[in-house]
Amino acid sequence: MIGAGRVGAVLGAALRRAGHPVVAVSAVSDVSRLRAEALLPGVPIVEIPRVVEDVDLVLVAVPDDALPGLITGLAETGNVRPGQFWCHPAGRFGVDVLEPATRLGALPLALHPVMTFTGTSLDLARLSDCPFGVTAPPVLRPVAEALVVEMGGDPFWVPEEYRTTYHAALAYGSNYLITLVAQCLDLLRQAGIDEPQRLVAPLLSASLDNALRMGDQALTGPVSRGDAESVRAHVQAIEAVSVQAAAGYRAMGRLTADRAVASGLLRARDAEALLEVLAEGTNR
């Protein structure tokens, strides 16, 4: 294992639990060393060149932006052995990023767990039925999917050419959902609401459930009804608290209006006044 970050250490522990001996791990920071010792007790912590010696599989779990340079550097310094599986859990990349190692005879796999990680043993239980985005050469697809199943996960095939779109979609939903909810709570606090989490938890949970089951047909509220004046009042009230939040409201309102029209929930002529309101202030 190269890297003992939140993801890598957990996946290493999951592979070990499945019966694959983890023989070496690299860990640079004090936190990663502690994480390796906690999740992979007894596994030697060594420098990267020693990690890849005499192993069948190299798990490269480093930040996405560091991955291409690291693979290239290891390949150029003779640290790749023909017949080794080289695997990474980065969502953004498929197997093309492993090409410098593949060119030297390595067998490339991309196994991305669709999960947020704490880097603790709690994550091992969360791997049960966790979806993994899997990309590999067709001949290696059974191996990639078998490794996911052994870790307790559920493999989903992601074509190489759509890997970035796949990862962008996940970030769009997961990361921005947190921003959206946090901003909602901030606005409620500004409105004098104590414990806003208790107020919105049932609503937000129901909205997520409806969206997953019904898609655009779950849309409700003033945008989907074309209530331009209600939306205008919303924008003004939010702008009094945060100009940035108001800009986000308008942007999401325009996207929501477009989807409501496309799905037949809102007539195009009823959307005109609404879109004029949502366009106000966008050139500031």
C-alpha atoms as a PDB file:
ATOM      1  CA  MET A   1       0.000   0.000   0.000  1.00  0.00           C
ATOM      2  CA  ILE A   2       1.313   3.407  -1.031  1.00  0.00           C
ATOM      3  CA  GLY A   3      -0.408   5.902   1.239  1.00  0.00           C
ATOM      4  CA  ALA A   4      -2.261   5.436   4.512  1.00  0.00           C
ATOM      5  CA  GLY A   5      -4.831   8.169   4.140  1.00  0.00           C
ATOM      6  CA  ARG A   6      -8.453   7.848   5.138  1.00  0.00           C
ATOM      7  CA  VAL A   7      -9.326   5.735   2.106  1.00  0.00           C
ATOM      8  CA  GLY A   8      -6.171   3.710   1.571  1.00  0.00           C
ATOM      9  CA  ALA A   9      -5.789   2.462   5.129  1.00  0.00           C
ATOM     10  CA  VAL A  10      -9.416   1.322   5.240  1.00  0.00           C
ATOM     11  CA  LEU A  11      -9.216  -0.468   1.892  1.00  0.00           C
ATOM     12  CA  GLY A  12      -5.992  -2.130   2.997  1.00  0.00           C
ATOM     13  CA  ALA A  13      -7.708  -3.330   6.151  1.00  0.00           C
ATOM     14  CA  ALA A  14     -10.653  -4.589   4.085  1.00  0.00           C
ATOM     15  CA  LEU A  15      -8.362  -6.537   1.763  1.00  0.00           C
ATOM     16  CA  ARG A  16      -6.548  -7.965   4.778  1.00  0.00           C
ATOM     17  CA  ARG A  17      -9.883  -8.976   6.297  1.00  0.00           C
ATOM     18  CA  ALA A  18     -10.692 -10.785   3.047  1.00  0.00           C
ATOM     19  CA  GLY A  19      -7.536 -12.867   3.388  1.00  0.00           C
ATOM     20  CA  HIS A  20      -5.031 -10.882   1.324  1.00  0.00           C
ATOM     21  CA  PRO A  21      -1.835 -10.370   3.352  1.00  0.00           C
ATOM     22  CA  VAL A  22      -0.734  -6.739   3.436  1.00  0.00           C
ATOM     23  CA  VAL A  23       3.045  -6.900   3.565  1.00  0.00           C
ATOM     24  CA  ALA A  24       4.079  -3.224   3.545  1.00  0.00           C
ATOM     25  CA  VAL A  25       2.673   0.279   3.716  1.00  0.00           C
ATOM     26  CA  SER A  26       4.107   3.750   3.204  1.00  0.00           C
ATOM     27  CA  ALA A  27       2.993   6.560   5.497  1.00  0.00           C
ATOM     28  CA  VAL A  28       4.513  10.032   5.546  1.00  0.00           C
ATOM     29  CA  SER A  29       2.719  12.136   8.144  1.00  0.00           C
ATOM     30  CA  ASP A  30       2.383  11.337  11.830  1.00  0.00           C
ATOM     31  CA  VAL A  31      -1.389  11.011  11.383  1.00  0.00           C
ATOM     32  CA  SER A  32      -1.048   8.521   8.547  1.00  0.00           C
ATOM     33  CA  ARG A  33       1.484   6.491  10.517  1.00  0.00           C
ATOM     34  CA  LEU A  34      -0.933   6.312  13.447  1.00  0.00           C
ATOM     35  CA  ARG A  35      -3.728   5.341  11.077  1.00  0.00           C
ATOM     36  CA  ALA A  36      -1.600   2.584   9.548  1.00  0.00           C
ATOM     37  CA  GLU A  37      -0.693   1.250  12.983  1.00  0.00           C
ATOM     38  CA  ALA A  38      -4.349   1.248  14.048  1.00  0.00           C
ATOM     39  CA  LEU A  39      -5.895  -0.310  10.947  1.00  0.00           C
ATOM     40  CA  LEU A  40      -2.963  -2.458   9.810  1.00  0.00           C
ATOM     41  CA  PRO A  41      -1.271  -3.566  13.028  1.00  0.00           C
ATOM     42  CA  GLY A  42       1.971  -5.394  12.469  1.00  0.00           C
ATOM     43  CA  VAL A  43       2.397  -4.260   8.854  1.00  0.00           C
ATOM     44  CA  PRO A  44       5.842  -2.695   8.334  1.00  0.00           C
ATOM     45  CA  ILE A  45       5.846   1.012   7.493  1.00  0.00           C
ATOM     46  CA  VAL A  46       8.551   1.452   4.861  1.00  0.00           C
ATOM     47  CA  GLU A  47       9.694   3.776   2.097  1.00  0.00           C
ATOM     48  CA  ILE A  48       7.796   3.595  -1.196  1.00  0.00           C
ATOM     49  CA  PRO A  49      10.409   1.643  -3.210  1.00  0.00           C
ATOM     50  CA  ARG A  50      10.285  -1.155  -0.615  1.00  0.00           C
ATOM     51  CA  VAL A  51       6.495  -1.217  -0.690  1.00  0.00           C
ATOM     52  CA  VAL A  52       6.414  -2.468  -4.258  1.00  0.00           C
ATOM     53  CA  GLU A  53       9.036  -5.214  -3.899  1.00  0.00           C
ATOM     54  CA  ASP A  54       7.842  -8.808  -4.312  1.00  0.00           C
ATOM     55  CA  VAL A  55       4.119  -8.060  -4.103  1.00  0.00           C
ATOM     56  CA  ASP A  56       1.237  -9.150  -6.292  1.00  0.00           C
ATOM     57  CA  LEU A  57      -0.837  -5.982  -5.918  1.00  0.00           C
ATOM     58  CA  VAL A  58       0.140  -2.363  -5.300  1.00  0.00           C
ATOM     59  CA  LEU A  59      -2.639  -0.149  -3.944  1.00  0.00           C
ATOM     60  CA  VAL A  60      -1.783   3.495  -4.686  1.00  0.00           C
ATOM     61  CA  ALA A  61      -3.994   5.599  -2.413  1.00  0.00           C
ATOM     62  CA  VAL A  62      -2.755   9.170  -2.727  1.00  0.00           C
ATOM     63  CA  PRO A  63      -4.587  12.438  -3.490  1.00  0.00           C
ATOM     64  CA  ASP A  64      -5.938  12.598  -7.057  1.00  0.00           C
ATOM     65  CA  ASP A  65      -3.655  15.425  -8.157  1.00  0.00           C
ATOM     66  CA  ALA A  66      -0.573  13.560  -6.926  1.00  0.00           C
ATOM     67  CA  LEU A  67      -1.407  10.283  -8.651  1.00  0.00           C
ATOM     68  CA  PRO A  68      -0.171  10.907 -12.238  1.00  0.00           C
ATOM     69  CA  GLY A  69       3.214  12.227 -11.149  1.00  0.00           C
ATOM     70  CA  LEU A  70       3.739   9.456  -8.619  1.00  0.00           C
ATOM     71  CA  ILE A  71       2.961   6.696 -11.122  1.00  0.00           C
ATOM     72  CA  THR A  72       5.221   8.263 -13.715  1.00  0.00           C
ATOM     73  CA  GLY A  73       8.050   8.663 -11.217  1.00  0.00           C
ATOM     74  CA  LEU A  74       7.814   5.085  -9.962  1.00  0.00           C
ATOM     75  CA  ALA A  75       7.786   3.747 -13.504  1.00  0.00           C
ATOM     76  CA  GLU A  76      10.783   5.842 -14.546  1.00  0.00           C
ATOM     77  CA  THR A  77      12.817   4.721 -11.521  1.00  0.00           C
ATOM     78  CA  GLY A  78      12.266   1.020 -12.160  1.00  0.00           C
ATOM     79  CA  ASN A  79       9.791   0.335  -9.365  1.00  0.00           C
ATOM     80  CA  VAL A  80       7.246  -1.555 -11.475  1.00  0.00           C
ATOM     81  CA  ARG A  81       7.366  -5.334 -11.900  1.00  0.00           C
ATOM     82  CA  PRO A  82       5.675  -7.081 -14.851  1.00  0.00           C
ATOM     83  CA  GLY A  83       2.597  -9.035 -13.758  1.00  0.00           C
ATOM     84  CA  GLN A  84       1.866  -6.891 -10.709  1.00  0.00           C
ATOM     85  CA  PHE A  85      -1.632  -5.501 -10.269  1.00  0.00           C
ATOM     86  CA  TRP A  86      -1.508  -1.734  -9.816  1.00  0.00           C
ATOM     87  CA  CYS A  87      -4.714  -0.369  -8.356  1.00  0.00           C
ATOM     88  CA  HIS A  88      -5.937   3.049  -7.252  1.00  0.00           C
ATOM     89  CA  PRO A  89      -9.161   4.241  -5.539  1.00  0.00           C
ATOM     90  CA  ALA A  90      -9.281   7.728  -7.098  1.00  0.00           C
ATOM     91  CA  GLY A  91     -12.701   8.666  -8.425  1.00  0.00           C
ATOM     92  CA  ARG A  92     -11.508  11.025 -11.130  1.00  0.00           C
ATOM     93  CA  PHE A  93      -9.255   8.583 -12.950  1.00  0.00           C
ATOM     94  CA  GLY A  94      -9.739   5.302 -14.711  1.00  0.00           C
ATOM     95  CA  VAL A  95      -6.817   3.127 -15.780  1.00  0.00           C
ATOM     96  CA  ASP A  96      -5.244   5.519 -18.291  1.00  0.00           C
ATOM     97  CA  VAL A  97      -3.453   7.271 -15.415  1.00  0.00           C
ATOM     98  CA  LEU A  98      -1.641   3.980 -14.734  1.00  0.00           C
ATOM     99  CA  GLU A  99      -0.314   3.796 -18.310  1.00  0.00           C
ATOM    100  CA  PRO A 100       3.357   4.360 -17.336  1.00  0.00           C
ATOM    101  CA  ALA A 101       3.153   1.252 -15.142  1.00  0.00           C
ATOM    102  CA  THR A 102       1.016  -0.669 -17.642  1.00  0.00           C
ATOM    103  CA  ARG A 103       3.637  -0.039 -20.318  1.00  0.00           C
ATOM    104  CA  LEU A 104       6.103  -1.951 -18.121  1.00  0.00           C
ATOM    105  CA  GLY A 105       3.815  -4.946 -17.750  1.00  0.00           C
ATOM    106  CA  ALA A 106       1.644  -3.951 -14.782  1.00  0.00           C
ATOM    107  CA  LEU A 107      -2.042  -4.889 -14.729  1.00  0.00           C
ATOM    108  CA  PRO A 108      -4.171  -1.774 -14.081  1.00  0.00           C
ATOM    109  CA  LEU A 109      -7.327  -1.530 -11.939  1.00  0.00           C
ATOM    110  CA  ALA A 110      -9.387   1.464 -10.774  1.00  0.00           C
ATOM    111  CA  LEU A 111     -11.647   0.761  -7.771  1.00  0.00           C
ATOM    112  CA  HIS A 112     -13.379   3.846  -6.384  1.00  0.00           C
ATOM    113  CA  PRO A 113     -15.537   3.426  -3.261  1.00  0.00           C
ATOM    114  CA  VAL A 114     -18.575   5.719  -3.400  1.00  0.00           C
ATOM    115  CA  MET A 115     -18.379   6.634   0.262  1.00  0.00           C
ATOM    116  CA  THR A 116     -17.065   9.321   2.593  1.00  0.00           C
ATOM    117  CA  PHE A 117     -14.358   8.025   4.914  1.00  0.00           C
ATOM    118  CA  THR A 118     -13.296   8.843   8.456  1.00  0.00           C
ATOM    119  CA  GLY A 119     -10.135   6.749   8.243  1.00  0.00           C
ATOM    120  CA  THR A 120     -11.160   4.614  11.235  1.00  0.00           C
ATOM    121  CA  SER A 121     -12.374   1.078  11.786  1.00  0.00           C
ATOM    122  CA  LEU A 122     -15.952   2.401  11.571  1.00  0.00           C
ATOM    123  CA  ASP A 123     -15.507   2.598   7.819  1.00  0.00           C
ATOM    124  CA  LEU A 124     -15.012  -1.152   7.509  1.00  0.00           C
ATOM    125  CA  ALA A 125     -18.656  -1.758   8.411  1.00  0.00           C
ATOM    126  CA  ARG A 126     -19.725   0.930   5.919  1.00  0.00           C
ATOM    127  CA  LEU A 127     -18.033  -0.982   3.105  1.00  0.00           C
ATOM    128  CA  SER A 128     -20.795  -3.583   3.338  1.00  0.00           C
ATOM    129  CA  ASP A 129     -22.721  -3.182   0.056  1.00  0.00           C
ATOM    130  CA  CYS A 130     -20.837   0.063  -0.655  1.00  0.00           C
ATOM    131  CA  PRO A 131     -20.914   0.848  -4.394  1.00  0.00           C
ATOM    132  CA  PHE A 132     -17.522   0.930  -6.128  1.00  0.00           C
ATOM    133  CA  GLY A 133     -16.904   2.546  -9.499  1.00  0.00           C
ATOM    134  CA  VAL A 134     -14.836  -0.046 -11.371  1.00  0.00           C
ATOM    135  CA  THR A 135     -12.726   0.540 -14.477  1.00  0.00           C
ATOM    136  CA  ALA A 136     -10.248  -1.955 -15.936  1.00  0.00           C
ATOM    137  CA  PRO A 137      -9.242  -3.518 -19.221  1.00  0.00           C
ATOM    138  CA  PRO A 138     -12.028  -5.953 -20.207  1.00  0.00           C
ATOM    139  CA  VAL A 139      -9.862  -9.002 -19.534  1.00  0.00           C
ATOM    140  CA  LEU A 140      -9.248  -7.776 -15.960  1.00  0.00           C
ATOM    141  CA  ARG A 141     -12.839  -6.808 -15.198  1.00  0.00           C
ATOM    142  CA  PRO A 142     -13.585 -10.085 -13.340  1.00  0.00           C
ATOM    143  CA  VAL A 143     -10.528  -9.542 -11.120  1.00  0.00           C
ATOM    144  CA  ALA A 144     -11.492  -5.947 -10.337  1.00  0.00           C
ATOM    145  CA  GLU A 145     -15.078  -6.877  -9.509  1.00  0.00           C
ATOM    146  CA  ALA A 146     -13.966  -9.852  -7.404  1.00  0.00           C
ATOM    147  CA  LEU A 147     -11.718  -7.618  -5.283  1.00  0.00           C
ATOM    148  CA  VAL A 148     -14.637  -5.257  -4.665  1.00  0.00           C
ATOM    149  CA  VAL A 149     -16.906  -8.123  -3.642  1.00  0.00           C
ATOM    150  CA  GLU A 150     -14.210  -9.468  -1.326  1.00  0.00           C
ATOM    151  CA  MET A 151     -14.071  -6.098   0.414  1.00  0.00           C
ATOM    152  CA  GLY A 152     -17.840  -6.276   0.883  1.00  0.00           C
ATOM    153  CA  GLY A 153     -18.671  -3.801  -1.867  1.00  0.00           C
ATOM    154  CA  ASP A 154     -20.957  -3.703  -4.888  1.00  0.00           C
ATOM    155  CA  PRO A 155     -19.140  -3.122  -8.207  1.00  0.00           C
ATOM    156  CA  PHE A 156     -20.520  -0.722 -10.844  1.00  0.00           C
ATOM    157  CA  TRP A 157     -18.810  -0.601 -14.231  1.00  0.00           C
ATOM    158  CA  VAL A 158     -17.649   2.885 -15.330  1.00  0.00           C
ATOM    159  CA  PRO A 159     -16.258   3.232 -18.886  1.00  0.00           C
ATOM    160  CA  GLU A 160     -12.871   4.927 -19.034  1.00  0.00           C
ATOM    161  CA  GLU A 161     -14.087   7.801 -21.207  1.00  0.00           C
ATOM    162  CA  TYR A 162     -16.793   8.771 -18.705  1.00  0.00           C
ATOM    163  CA  ARG A 163     -14.728   8.543 -15.554  1.00  0.00           C
ATOM    164  CA  THR A 164     -14.453  12.308 -15.004  1.00  0.00           C
ATOM    165  CA  THR A 165     -18.177  12.824 -15.628  1.00  0.00           C
ATOM    166  CA  TYR A 166     -18.944  10.023 -13.180  1.00  0.00           C
ATOM    167  CA  HIS A 167     -16.772  11.601 -10.495  1.00  0.00           C
ATOM    168  CA  ALA A 168     -18.115  15.103 -11.174  1.00  0.00           C
ATOM    169  CA  ALA A 169     -21.672  13.817 -10.729  1.00  0.00           C
ATOM    170  CA  LEU A 170     -20.832  12.277  -7.367  1.00  0.00           C
ATOM    171  CA  ALA A 171     -19.091  15.446  -6.185  1.00  0.00           C
ATOM    172  CA  TYR A 172     -22.015  17.532  -7.441  1.00  0.00           C
ATOM    173  CA  GLY A 173     -24.473  15.521  -5.373  1.00  0.00           C
ATOM    174  CA  SER A 174     -22.476  14.784  -2.250  1.00  0.00           C
ATOM    175  CA  ASN A 175     -20.352  17.904  -1.769  1.00  0.00           C
ATOM    176  CA  TYR A 176     -22.935  20.467  -2.805  1.00  0.00           C
ATOM    177  CA  LEU A 177     -25.661  18.770  -0.809  1.00  0.00           C
ATOM    178  CA  ILE A 178     -23.612  19.494   2.306  1.00  0.00           C
ATOM    179  CA  THR A 179     -23.166  23.123   1.231  1.00  0.00           C
ATOM    180  CA  LEU A 180     -26.874  23.432   0.522  1.00  0.00           C
ATOM    181  CA  VAL A 181     -27.925  21.984   3.877  1.00  0.00           C
ATOM    182  CA  ALA A 182     -25.368  24.024   5.823  1.00  0.00           C
ATOM    183  CA  GLN A 183     -26.529  27.222   4.101  1.00  0.00           C
ATOM    184  CA  CYS A 184     -30.151  26.332   4.844  1.00  0.00           C
ATOM    185  CA  LEU A 185     -29.296  25.948   8.534  1.00  0.00           C
ATOM    186  CA  ASP A 186     -27.428  29.265   8.558  1.00  0.00           C
ATOM    187  CA  LEU A 187     -30.418  31.088   7.098  1.00  0.00           C
ATOM    188  CA  LEU A 188     -32.772  29.523   9.628  1.00  0.00           C
ATOM    189  CA  ARG A 189     -30.496  30.633  12.453  1.00  0.00           C
ATOM    190  CA  GLN A 190     -30.620  34.145  10.998  1.00  0.00           C
ATOM    191  CA  ALA A 191     -34.420  33.809  11.114  1.00  0.00           C
ATOM    192  CA  GLY A 192     -34.240  33.162  14.851  1.00  0.00           C
ATOM    193  CA  ILE A 193     -34.803  29.414  14.710  1.00  0.00           C
ATOM    194  CA  ASP A 194     -33.139  27.456  17.502  1.00  0.00           C
ATOM    195  CA  GLU A 195     -32.004  23.912  16.635  1.00  0.00           C
ATOM    196  CA  PRO A 196     -32.753  24.282  12.906  1.00  0.00           C
ATOM    197  CA  GLN A 197     -31.632  20.701  12.336  1.00  0.00           C
ATOM    198  CA  ARG A 198     -34.734  19.469  14.133  1.00  0.00           C
ATOM    199  CA  LEU A 199     -36.927  21.707  12.012  1.00  0.00           C
ATOM    200  CA  VAL A 200     -35.657  20.623   8.593  1.00  0.00           C
ATOM    201  CA  ALA A 201     -34.536  17.021   9.121  1.00  0.00           C
ATOM    202  CA  PRO A 202     -37.948  15.489   8.219  1.00  0.00           C
ATOM    203  CA  LEU A 203     -38.358  17.813   5.214  1.00  0.00           C
ATOM    204  CA  LEU A 204     -34.876  17.249   3.808  1.00  0.00           C
ATOM    205  CA  SER A 205     -35.018  13.491   4.393  1.00  0.00           C
ATOM    206  CA  ALA A 206     -38.359  13.291   2.582  1.00  0.00           C
ATOM    207  CA  SER A 207     -37.065  15.466  -0.273  1.00  0.00           C
ATOM    208  CA  LEU A 208     -34.035  13.231  -0.773  1.00  0.00           C
ATOM    209  CA  ASP A 209     -36.181  10.097  -0.695  1.00  0.00           C
ATOM    210  CA  ASN A 210     -38.666  11.585  -3.172  1.00  0.00           C
ATOM    211  CA  ALA A 211     -35.891  12.753  -5.501  1.00  0.00           C
ATOM    212  CA  LEU A 212     -34.291   9.305  -5.571  1.00  0.00           C
ATOM    213  CA  ARG A 213     -37.624   7.639  -6.282  1.00  0.00           C
ATOM    214  CA  MET A 214     -39.321  10.177  -8.551  1.00  0.00           C
ATOM    215  CA  GLY A 215     -36.633  12.423 -10.032  1.00  0.00           C
ATOM    216  CA  ASP A 216     -37.919  15.760 -11.367  1.00  0.00           C
ATOM    217  CA  GLN A 217     -41.507  14.759 -10.618  1.00  0.00           C
ATOM    218  CA  ALA A 218     -40.700  15.269  -6.926  1.00  0.00           C
ATOM    219  CA  LEU A 219     -40.188  19.023  -7.453  1.00  0.00           C
ATOM    220  CA  THR A 220     -42.389  21.263  -5.310  1.00  0.00           C
ATOM    221  CA  GLY A 221     -42.279  24.884  -4.188  1.00  0.00           C
ATOM    222  CA  PRO A 222     -42.499  28.308  -5.812  1.00  0.00           C
ATOM    223  CA  VAL A 223     -40.023  27.693  -8.643  1.00  0.00           C
ATOM    224  CA  SER A 224     -41.847  24.596  -9.896  1.00  0.00           C
ATOM    225  CA  ARG A 225     -45.146  26.549  -9.684  1.00  0.00           C
ATOM    226  CA  GLY A 226     -43.797  29.647 -11.426  1.00  0.00           C
ATOM    227  CA  ASP A 227     -44.468  31.917  -8.422  1.00  0.00           C
ATOM    228  CA  ALA A 228     -42.204  34.763  -9.492  1.00  0.00           C
ATOM    229  CA  GLU A 229     -43.090  37.164  -6.690  1.00  0.00           C
ATOM    230  CA  SER A 230     -42.468  34.561  -3.996  1.00  0.00           C
ATOM    231  CA  VAL A 231     -39.081  33.860  -5.540  1.00  0.00           C
ATOM    232  CA  ARG A 232     -38.339  37.602  -5.692  1.00  0.00           C
ATOM    233  CA  ALA A 233     -39.109  37.884  -1.980  1.00  0.00           C
ATOM    234  CA  HIS A 234     -36.866  34.905  -1.266  1.00  0.00           C
ATOM    235  CA  VAL A 235     -33.964  36.421  -3.163  1.00  0.00           C
ATOM    236  CA  GLN A 236     -34.308  39.735  -1.356  1.00  0.00           C
ATOM    237  CA  ALA A 237     -34.512  38.089   2.072  1.00  0.00           C
ATOM    238  CA  ILE A 238     -31.495  35.854   1.419  1.00  0.00           C
ATOM    239  CA  GLU A 239     -29.490  38.702  -0.116  1.00  0.00           C
ATOM    240  CA  ALA A 240     -29.962  40.687   3.094  1.00  0.00           C
ATOM    241  CA  VAL A 241     -28.119  37.894   4.883  1.00  0.00           C
ATOM    242  CA  SER A 242     -25.604  36.754   2.259  1.00  0.00           C
ATOM    243  CA  VAL A 243     -25.011  37.980  -1.284  1.00  0.00           C
ATOM    244  CA  GLN A 244     -23.215  34.727  -2.070  1.00  0.00           C
ATOM    245  CA  ALA A 245     -26.131  32.621  -0.830  1.00  0.00           C
ATOM    246  CA  ALA A 246     -28.559  34.689  -2.919  1.00  0.00           C
ATOM    247  CA  ALA A 247     -26.410  34.093  -6.005  1.00  0.00           C
ATOM    248  CA  GLY A 248     -26.512  30.372  -5.269  1.00  0.00           C
ATOM    249  CA  TYR A 249     -30.303  30.499  -4.833  1.00  0.00           C
ATOM    250  CA  ARG A 250     -30.714  32.212  -8.215  1.00  0.00           C
ATOM    251  CA  ALA A 251     -28.394  29.754  -9.959  1.00  0.00           C
ATOM    252  CA  MET A 252     -30.172  26.724  -8.530  1.00  0.00           C
ATOM    253  CA  GLY A 253     -33.527  28.395  -9.257  1.00  0.00           C
ATOM    254  CA  ARG A 254     -32.664  28.753 -12.941  1.00  0.00           C
ATOM    255  CA  LEU A 255     -31.556  25.155 -13.161  1.00  0.00           C
ATOM    256  CA  THR A 256     -34.683  24.011 -11.303  1.00  0.00           C
ATOM    257  CA  ALA A 257     -36.939  26.080 -13.583  1.00  0.00           C
ATOM    258  CA  ASP A 258     -35.304  24.575 -16.676  1.00  0.00           C
ATOM    259  CA  ARG A 259     -35.835  21.078 -15.330  1.00  0.00           C
ATOM    260  CA  ALA A 260     -39.427  21.847 -14.316  1.00  0.00           C
ATOM    261  CA  VAL A 261     -40.204  23.049 -17.852  1.00  0.00           C
ATOM    262  CA  ALA A 262     -38.443  20.081 -19.471  1.00  0.00           C
ATOM    263  CA  SER A 263     -40.354  17.616 -17.280  1.00  0.00           C
ATOM    264  CA  GLY A 264     -43.734  19.220 -17.946  1.00  0.00           C
ATOM    265  CA  LEU A 265     -44.287  20.543 -14.424  1.00  0.00           C
ATOM    266  CA  LEU A 266     -44.058  24.190 -15.474  1.00  0.00           C
ATOM    267  CA  ARG A 267     -45.294  25.763 -18.683  1.00  0.00           C
ATOM    268  CA  ALA A 268     -42.692  27.770 -20.573  1.00  0.00           C
ATOM    269  CA  ARG A 269     -44.856  30.904 -20.610  1.00  0.00           C
ATOM    270  CA  ASP A 270     -45.292  30.671 -16.818  1.00  0.00           C
ATOM    271  CA  ALA A 271     -41.528  30.445 -16.425  1.00  0.00           C
ATOM    272  CA  GLU A 272     -40.777  33.757 -18.192  1.00  0.00           C
ATOM    273  CA  ALA A 273     -41.437  36.111 -15.265  1.00  0.00           C
ATOM    274  CA  LEU A 274     -39.741  33.666 -12.917  1.00  0.00           C
ATOM    275  CA  LEU A 275     -36.593  33.544 -15.025  1.00  0.00           C
ATOM    276  CA  GLU A 276     -36.522  37.345 -15.218  1.00  0.00           C
ATOM    277  CA  VAL A 277     -36.476  37.499 -11.415  1.00  0.00           C
ATOM    278  CA  LEU A 278     -33.775  34.840 -11.219  1.00  0.00           C
ATOM    279  CA  ALA A 279     -31.666  36.705 -13.773  1.00  0.00           C
ATOM    280  CA  GLU A 280     -31.723  39.957 -11.801  1.00  0.00           C
ATOM    281  CA  GLY A 281     -28.387  40.832 -10.273  1.00  0.00           C
ATOM    282  CA  THR A 282     -26.436  38.143 -12.107  1.00  0.00           C
ATOM    283  CA  ASN A 283     -24.226  40.739 -13.828  1.00  0.00           C
ATOM    284  CA  ARG A 284     -23.193  42.529 -10.630  1.00  0.00           C
END
